[in-house]
Every structure is written in C-alpha cells, then in structure tokens.
Amino acid sequence: MMKELYVISGMTGMTGNELARQIIARGETVIGFDNFFASSRHTIADIENSPSLDFFEGDINDAPTMEMLEKKVLAAKENYDRVIYINCAAVVHTEYFYDVEATFQTNVIGMKEFLEQAVRVGADVYINCSTSEVYSMQSWNENGVKEDDYILFATAEHSQRTSYAAGKLLTEFFMKDAVDKGRIKGCSLRFANVYSDNELYAKHIVPHIITELIEKQSVKLLENSRKNKRTFLHNQDSCSAVLAVIDGKDTLDGTVYNVATEEEVSILELVDICAKALKLEKYDIEFEGYRSADPERRLLSSKKLCERTKWQPAVSLREGIERCVKYRLDKKED
C-alpha cells in the first residue's frame, strides 16, 4: 500500500487545518506549520496530538524556518512513496488586500520559495491554492466563468485590492512553468468564497455576520452588499477538491481548476440564513462604506474539475451555516 507524506504551509488556516484532518483520516502523514497570522491552534485541537502530524509554529518568509522544514522532509522522505507539498499560506484578510508589500511577500515570494523547496527535495506533487479573486471584474456569466476565460483586471488607480489578485495569478504562472519544464507535477485551484465551522475571527463575511448577529442582533455591511451576490464553499468541500486532483489520473498538468458551488445567494440572503440558524426573528442591517472594484456577482464553473475527478460539493450553504453557528455557540459556552 502506498504511503504518502504531505507538507502543508498555513496549516491552521481554513484550508490547511481541514486538509490535515482529511489526510490523517486517510491514514497518511502530515508535516505542517503556520505563523498564526490569520488563525490559531484552536483549529487543529482535535488532531494536534495525532502521531500522524508533525506541526510547528513557523513563517513561510523566515529562512531558518524553511531550512528546518527542508531537513525534516529530507530525513523523512525515504519512508514514503510520494511526497506532496500543498501551499495554503496566504495573506487573505480583507484589510490586507490593499497592502501590496504584505500580499507580494507571502503570496508570491513565499509561494515561489516553497515551490523551489519542493523541487529540491524531490517532491512528487505541488498544489498551489489560488483564489477566485483573480477573476476581478469579470467574475460572472450565465454558465459560470471558466478557467480559460479572459480576465479583466481593475487598474491600480481604481483598486489597489487587485494587487492581491495579481499576485495570486502570478503564482499560477510559476506553477504552470514548473510543470511545463518537467520540474514537478502539480496544479492550481481557484476557490470560491471559502468558509469554515471553526473560523472565529470576523475577518471574512460569514464569521463577520454571525459575530454581529450574536453580539448585537445587527449587522454592519458595505454599501456593495445591497446588490452583491456570491457562492460560498465550505472548507470540507474545498479540501476534498484538493485531494481529488492529487488522486486524479491526468489532473496534475499545471493548469487551473475552479472549485465552487452553483448555490448563488445575495449577501442580504446570507444574513437571513445566518439569522435563521441563530433563531433570530428580528435583526437590523446598517450599511456603511464602499469597496471599489468589487464585482456584483461571482459565479464560477467547476465543470472541468468535476469532469476530470469525481469531486462534487457535499455541504449545502444552509447546512454549512448551521454548523458554523453551532461551533460558535458551543465555543461561547466553554
């Protein structure tokens, strides 16, 4: 039976912690690290003591950390049939979308260094977790935006937020170039708006809405939210997609895969779903502020992923929100 070693950056983040959980459940081994920029150890409390996990605190931008990681992998790799690197490290909090230096250092330089390490140690696979933000202002059509559709960016004058999307797009070029040159196998995945049960920090829209409703029975939203619609992807499904492409026969070809559901809702509908999960009959919404270059709709086609793998989303939005609410209320009682 084949034994696999998975190396995960950003492991306590939304994608990383659930990936580690699913990989360990498959009977495989994980080496993971995180600097807790956007999360904390609470996300891996149920698996941190697993003998199949070697986790440590570390920054993808810190050279000594990366040297230590490389030594760990080289010491362990002879015991495994396949070594798989998965880059989940990213500056993703909304307020940092406008910080060009922070997004470039972690999302681009950090990703490239992690990729180069994977090549040096002789890893078999590198998975680049990208984002649907790369679609920028061309993020919707009736059949869902496809991976090979042309992308329409906002300009630097119009929105510095686009630097985040441009950086993640550049990582996809690094990924494809490495595969085309025969240096490693791998691919990039563009996730729709990912959310998770255990995300406690109100930095993304789902935990923000739930936090506001619990604490104030009122939600503050941007003016954009009067019109905006999105699809939301539970991290159980985003991570099963990562494993699906790793397991696929011809999927590690350097190209890009959209990962999304077709369950499009408005932000106002999302608030109502959260309120119902909390059993709130009344709540208020306050609109304040405006985000430039924010597309009104984002609908991705996952047809390519579904045709090349057996992946299908398993968690409906209502079920996912109910799980998020239960986790938050249980934590509040602790």
Protein backbone atom coordinates (compact mmCIF):
# COMPACT_ATOMS: atom_id res chain seq x y z
CA MET A 1 0.00 0.00 0.00
CA MET A 2 1.36 3.43 -0.99
CA LYS A 3 2.48 5.72 1.84
CA GLU A 4 2.32 9.47 1.35
CA LEU A 5 3.89 12.42 3.18
CA TYR A 6 2.07 15.75 2.93
CA VAL A 7 3.82 19.06 3.67
CA ILE A 8 1.36 21.91 4.34
CA SER A 9 2.08 25.62 4.80
CA GLY A 10 -0.52 27.80 6.53
CA MET A 11 -1.83 24.69 8.22
CA THR A 12 -4.10 26.27 10.83
CA GLY A 13 -5.90 28.40 8.25
CA MET A 14 -9.25 27.49 6.72
CA THR A 15 -7.87 25.22 4.02
CA GLY A 16 -4.83 23.87 5.85
CA ASN A 17 -6.47 22.60 9.02
CA GLU A 18 -9.23 20.72 7.22
CA LEU A 19 -6.77 19.31 4.70
CA ALA A 20 -4.64 17.94 7.52
CA ARG A 21 -7.75 16.44 9.11
CA GLN A 22 -8.84 14.70 5.90
CA ILE A 23 -5.31 13.48 5.12
CA ILE A 24 -4.83 12.00 8.60
CA ALA A 25 -8.23 10.30 8.25
CA ARG A 26 -6.85 8.64 5.11
CA GLY A 27 -4.03 7.14 7.19
CA GLU A 28 -1.32 9.42 5.80
CA THR A 29 1.30 11.65 7.47
CA VAL A 30 1.42 15.46 7.61
CA ILE A 31 4.20 17.93 8.36
CA GLY A 32 2.61 21.35 8.80
CA PHE A 33 3.43 24.83 10.01
CA ASP A 34 1.78 28.22 10.48
CA ASN A 35 2.68 31.63 11.91
CA PHE A 36 -0.88 32.19 13.23
CA PHE A 37 -1.28 35.39 11.19
CA ALA A 38 -4.90 34.57 10.37
CA SER A 39 -5.75 31.74 12.75
CA SER A 40 -4.66 29.91 15.89
CA ARG A 41 -4.06 26.43 17.28
CA HIS A 42 -7.74 26.01 18.14
CA THR A 43 -8.43 24.88 14.56
CA ILE A 44 -6.27 21.76 14.98
CA ALA A 45 -7.11 20.95 18.62
CA ASP A 46 -8.67 17.64 17.58
CA ILE A 47 -5.64 16.44 15.59
CA GLU A 48 -2.62 18.23 17.07
CA ASN A 49 -1.63 15.24 19.20
CA SER A 50 -2.06 12.73 16.39
CA PRO A 51 1.06 10.60 15.79
CA SER A 52 0.46 11.25 12.08
CA LEU A 53 1.01 15.01 12.47
CA ASP A 54 4.26 16.93 12.97
CA PHE A 55 3.17 20.54 13.48
CA PHE A 56 5.30 23.54 14.46
CA GLU A 57 4.98 27.32 14.55
CA GLY A 58 6.81 28.94 11.67
CA ASP A 59 6.67 31.62 8.96
CA ILE A 60 6.99 30.81 5.26
CA ASN A 61 9.00 34.06 4.91
CA ASP A 62 11.54 33.03 7.59
CA ALA A 63 14.66 31.40 6.13
CA PRO A 64 15.66 29.39 9.26
CA THR A 65 12.11 28.00 9.47
CA MET A 66 12.19 26.89 5.87
CA GLU A 67 15.65 25.36 6.30
CA MET A 68 14.40 23.36 9.29
CA LEU A 69 11.38 22.21 7.29
CA GLU A 70 13.58 21.08 4.41
CA LYS A 71 15.71 19.00 6.79
CA LYS A 72 12.59 17.42 8.27
CA VAL A 73 11.31 16.42 4.85
CA LEU A 74 14.66 15.07 3.65
CA ALA A 75 15.03 13.00 6.83
CA ALA A 76 11.56 11.51 6.44
CA LYS A 77 11.02 11.15 2.69
CA GLU A 78 12.77 7.78 2.26
CA ASN A 79 9.96 6.23 4.31
CA TYR A 80 7.29 7.34 1.83
CA ASP A 81 6.33 6.51 -1.73
CA ARG A 82 5.14 10.02 -2.53
CA VAL A 83 5.85 13.49 -1.10
CA ILE A 84 3.22 16.16 -1.70
CA TYR A 85 3.61 19.88 -0.96
CA ILE A 86 0.47 21.99 -0.55
CA ASN A 87 0.79 25.75 -0.22
CA CYS A 88 -2.05 27.19 1.86
CA ALA A 89 -0.08 30.17 3.20
CA ALA A 90 -1.61 33.45 2.04
CA VAL A 91 -2.39 36.97 3.21
CA VAL A 92 -6.17 36.73 2.87
CA HIS A 93 -7.74 39.12 5.39
CA THR A 94 -9.76 41.73 3.55
CA GLU A 95 -7.94 44.71 5.06
CA TYR A 96 -4.64 43.39 3.67
CA PHE A 97 -5.94 43.17 0.10
CA TYR A 98 -4.72 46.77 -0.14
CA ASP A 99 -1.25 46.06 1.32
CA VAL A 100 0.90 45.42 -1.74
CA GLU A 101 4.06 44.61 0.23
CA ALA A 102 2.39 42.06 2.53
CA THR A 103 0.50 40.27 -0.23
CA PHE A 104 3.53 40.13 -2.52
CA GLN A 105 5.93 38.84 0.13
CA THR A 106 3.77 35.96 1.35
CA ASN A 107 1.57 35.16 -1.62
CA VAL A 108 4.22 35.42 -4.34
CA ILE A 109 7.75 35.20 -2.87
CA GLY A 110 6.71 32.74 -0.14
CA MET A 111 4.87 30.54 -2.63
CA LYS A 112 7.82 30.54 -5.04
CA GLU A 113 10.31 29.63 -2.29
CA PHE A 114 8.04 26.81 -1.10
CA LEU A 115 7.80 25.56 -4.69
CA GLU A 116 11.58 25.65 -5.10
CA GLN A 117 11.99 23.67 -1.88
CA ALA A 118 9.54 21.07 -3.16
CA VAL A 119 11.64 20.69 -6.30
CA ARG A 120 14.91 20.49 -4.33
CA VAL A 121 13.73 17.72 -2.01
CA GLY A 122 12.37 15.73 -4.95
CA ALA A 123 8.69 16.09 -4.05
CA ASP A 124 6.30 14.42 -6.44
CA VAL A 125 3.48 16.96 -6.34
CA TYR A 126 2.99 20.66 -5.57
CA ILE A 127 -0.51 22.07 -5.12
CA ASN A 128 -0.95 25.84 -5.35
CA CYS A 129 -4.05 27.14 -3.58
CA SER A 130 -5.10 30.20 -5.56
CA THR A 131 -8.31 32.25 -5.41
CA SER A 132 -11.36 33.29 -7.41
CA GLU A 133 -10.26 36.89 -6.74
CA VAL A 134 -8.13 36.55 -9.88
CA TYR A 135 -11.30 36.98 -11.95
CA SER A 136 -11.51 40.53 -10.60
CA MET A 137 -14.18 42.45 -12.53
CA GLN A 138 -15.03 39.64 -14.96
CA SER A 139 -16.34 37.12 -12.46
CA TRP A 140 -19.78 36.20 -13.75
CA ASN A 141 -21.63 34.89 -16.77
CA GLU A 142 -24.75 32.76 -17.16
CA ASN A 143 -22.86 29.46 -17.38
CA GLY A 144 -20.22 30.33 -14.79
CA VAL A 145 -16.77 31.73 -15.50
CA LYS A 146 -14.34 29.10 -16.82
CA GLU A 147 -10.64 28.76 -16.14
CA ASP A 148 -9.65 29.69 -19.69
CA ASP A 149 -11.87 32.77 -19.92
CA TYR A 150 -10.01 36.05 -20.33
CA ILE A 151 -9.58 38.05 -17.14
CA LEU A 152 -10.46 41.74 -16.81
CA PHE A 153 -8.49 43.39 -14.01
CA ALA A 154 -9.24 46.67 -12.31
CA THR A 155 -6.43 49.21 -12.72
CA ALA A 156 -4.00 50.22 -9.97
CA GLU A 157 -5.63 53.66 -9.95
CA HIS A 158 -9.04 52.11 -9.48
CA SER A 159 -8.27 49.49 -6.85
CA GLN A 160 -5.08 48.53 -5.02
CA ARG A 161 -7.04 45.47 -3.87
CA THR A 162 -6.24 43.99 -7.26
CA SER A 163 -2.61 43.57 -6.17
CA TYR A 164 -3.80 40.57 -4.14
CA ALA A 165 -5.44 39.02 -7.20
CA ALA A 166 -2.48 39.84 -9.46
CA GLY A 167 -0.09 38.20 -7.02
CA LYS A 168 -2.13 35.02 -6.80
CA LEU A 169 -2.41 34.94 -10.59
CA LEU A 170 1.38 35.15 -10.81
CA THR A 171 1.67 32.05 -8.59
CA GLU A 172 -0.36 30.17 -11.20
CA PHE A 173 2.23 31.13 -13.83
CA PHE A 174 5.03 29.78 -11.60
CA MET A 175 3.05 26.57 -11.12
CA LYS A 176 2.43 26.01 -14.82
CA ASP A 177 6.00 26.89 -15.75
CA ALA A 178 7.41 24.35 -13.26
CA VAL A 179 5.17 21.60 -14.64
CA ASP A 180 5.77 22.51 -18.30
CA LYS A 181 9.53 22.30 -17.70
CA GLY A 182 9.16 18.86 -16.09
CA ARG A 183 10.43 20.03 -12.70
CA ILE A 184 7.42 18.74 -10.74
CA LYS A 185 3.78 17.76 -11.17
CA GLY A 186 1.01 19.95 -9.80
CA CYS A 187 -1.78 22.41 -10.44
CA SER A 188 -3.55 25.47 -9.06
CA LEU A 189 -7.03 25.65 -7.56
CA ARG A 190 -9.17 28.80 -7.58
CA PHE A 191 -11.56 28.56 -4.66
CA ALA A 192 -14.83 30.46 -4.41
CA ASN A 193 -15.57 32.24 -1.10
CA VAL A 194 -14.44 29.61 1.41
CA TYR A 195 -15.83 29.48 4.93
CA SER A 196 -15.41 27.02 7.78
CA ASP A 197 -17.05 25.88 11.01
CA ASN A 198 -14.09 26.86 13.18
CA GLU A 199 -13.28 30.33 11.83
CA LEU A 200 -13.63 32.55 14.90
CA TYR A 201 -12.06 35.76 13.58
CA ALA A 202 -14.61 38.07 11.96
CA LYS A 203 -12.36 38.90 9.01
CA HIS A 204 -14.50 37.28 6.32
CA ILE A 205 -18.16 37.78 5.57
CA VAL A 206 -19.64 34.62 7.14
CA PRO A 207 -17.95 34.88 10.59
CA HIS A 208 -18.50 38.66 10.48
CA ILE A 209 -22.25 38.25 10.02
CA ILE A 210 -22.53 35.54 12.68
CA THR A 211 -20.46 37.54 15.19
CA GLU A 212 -22.51 40.71 14.65
CA LEU A 213 -25.81 38.85 14.98
CA ILE A 214 -24.72 37.07 18.17
CA GLU A 215 -23.32 40.18 19.84
CA LYS A 216 -25.63 42.94 18.58
CA GLN A 217 -28.52 41.38 16.63
CA SER A 218 -27.43 43.86 13.98
CA VAL A 219 -25.02 43.59 11.04
CA LYS A 220 -22.85 46.31 9.53
CA LEU A 221 -22.30 45.77 5.79
CA LEU A 222 -20.69 47.70 2.96
CA GLU A 223 -22.95 49.55 0.54
CA ASN A 224 -21.88 46.98 -2.07
CA SER A 225 -23.87 44.36 -0.14
CA ARG A 226 -27.17 45.84 -1.29
CA LYS A 227 -26.51 44.24 -4.70
CA ASN A 228 -23.68 41.74 -4.36
CA LYS A 229 -24.19 38.01 -4.89
CA ARG A 230 -21.71 35.21 -4.25
CA THR A 231 -21.38 31.44 -3.97
CA PHE A 232 -19.88 30.06 -0.75
CA LEU A 233 -17.76 26.94 -0.46
CA HIS A 234 -17.42 25.02 2.81
CA ASN A 235 -13.81 24.11 3.53
CA GLN A 236 -14.76 20.44 3.77
CA ASP A 237 -15.55 20.67 0.05
CA SER A 238 -12.58 22.86 -0.92
CA CYS A 239 -10.22 20.37 0.72
CA SER A 240 -11.86 17.31 -0.80
CA ALA A 241 -11.26 19.02 -4.17
CA VAL A 242 -7.54 19.33 -3.39
CA LEU A 243 -7.34 15.62 -2.63
CA ALA A 244 -9.39 14.81 -5.73
CA VAL A 245 -6.86 16.47 -8.05
CA ILE A 246 -3.95 14.84 -6.19
CA ASP A 247 -5.60 11.45 -6.70
CA GLY A 248 -6.58 12.16 -10.31
CA LYS A 249 -5.02 10.35 -13.25
CA ASP A 250 -4.19 13.32 -15.51
CA THR A 251 -5.03 16.28 -13.29
CA LEU A 252 -1.54 17.43 -12.24
CA ASP A 253 -0.85 19.15 -15.55
CA GLY A 254 0.00 22.63 -14.30
CA THR A 255 -3.39 24.07 -15.21
CA VAL A 256 -6.06 25.70 -13.06
CA TYR A 257 -9.24 24.24 -11.56
CA ASN A 258 -12.20 26.26 -10.31
CA VAL A 259 -13.71 24.95 -7.08
CA ALA A 260 -17.18 26.30 -6.37
CA THR A 261 -20.83 25.51 -5.88
CA GLU A 262 -23.73 26.74 -8.01
CA GLU A 263 -25.65 27.89 -4.92
CA GLU A 264 -25.55 31.64 -5.54
CA VAL A 265 -27.06 33.92 -2.88
CA SER A 266 -27.13 37.64 -2.24
CA ILE A 267 -25.28 38.97 0.81
CA LEU A 268 -28.64 40.02 2.23
CA GLU A 269 -29.93 36.46 1.79
CA LEU A 270 -26.79 35.22 3.53
CA VAL A 271 -27.58 37.41 6.54
CA ASP A 272 -31.07 35.94 6.68
CA ILE A 273 -29.73 32.37 6.52
CA CYS A 274 -27.38 33.13 9.42
CA ALA A 275 -30.19 34.76 11.42
CA LYS A 276 -32.45 31.76 10.92
CA ALA A 277 -29.66 29.42 12.04
CA LEU A 278 -29.39 31.55 15.19
CA LYS A 279 -33.21 31.50 15.56
CA LEU A 280 -33.32 35.30 15.43
CA GLU A 281 -36.72 36.64 14.39
CA LYS A 282 -35.56 40.27 14.20
CA TYR A 283 -32.27 41.86 13.25
CA ASP A 284 -31.03 45.13 11.78
CA ILE A 285 -28.70 45.87 8.88
CA GLU A 286 -26.59 49.01 8.68
CA PHE A 287 -24.76 49.98 5.51
CA GLU A 288 -21.50 51.88 5.77
CA GLY A 289 -18.55 52.29 3.42
CA TYR A 290 -17.93 51.19 -0.14
CA ARG A 291 -15.32 48.91 -1.71
CA SER A 292 -14.14 49.88 -5.18
CA ALA A 293 -13.68 47.30 -7.93
CA ASP A 294 -15.94 44.82 -6.17
CA PRO A 295 -17.90 42.73 -8.72
CA GLU A 296 -21.62 42.46 -8.10
CA ARG A 297 -21.65 38.74 -8.87
CA ARG A 298 -19.12 35.91 -8.82
CA LEU A 299 -20.16 32.60 -10.31
CA LEU A 300 -17.54 30.02 -11.27
CA SER A 301 -17.90 26.91 -13.39
CA SER A 302 -16.45 23.79 -11.73
CA LYS A 303 -17.20 21.67 -14.82
CA LYS A 304 -13.52 21.00 -15.57
CA LEU A 305 -12.86 19.71 -12.04
CA CYS A 306 -15.99 17.57 -11.98
CA GLU A 307 -15.23 16.04 -15.39
CA ARG A 308 -11.63 15.17 -14.53
CA THR A 309 -12.32 13.90 -10.99
CA LYS A 310 -15.24 12.52 -9.02
CA TRP A 311 -15.49 15.71 -6.95
CA GLN A 312 -18.87 17.18 -6.08
CA PRO A 313 -19.69 19.63 -3.26
CA ALA A 314 -21.28 17.83 -0.32
CA VAL A 315 -22.16 20.64 2.12
CA SER A 316 -25.11 22.89 1.27
CA LEU A 317 -24.92 26.52 2.34
CA ARG A 318 -27.69 26.16 4.93
CA GLU A 319 -26.06 23.07 6.43
CA GLY A 320 -22.68 24.80 6.47
CA ILE A 321 -24.04 27.92 8.17
CA GLU A 322 -25.82 25.81 10.77
CA ARG A 323 -22.52 24.07 11.50
CA CYS A 324 -20.74 27.42 11.83
CA VAL A 325 -23.39 28.72 14.22
CA LYS A 326 -23.28 25.58 16.35
CA TYR A 327 -19.49 25.80 16.64
CA ARG A 328 -19.64 29.46 17.66
CA LEU A 329 -22.37 28.92 20.25
CA ASP A 330 -20.57 25.89 21.68
CA LYS A 331 -17.37 27.93 21.98
CA LYS A 332 -19.28 30.74 23.68
CA GLU A 333 -20.45 28.30 26.36
CA ASP A 334 -16.94 26.96 27.01
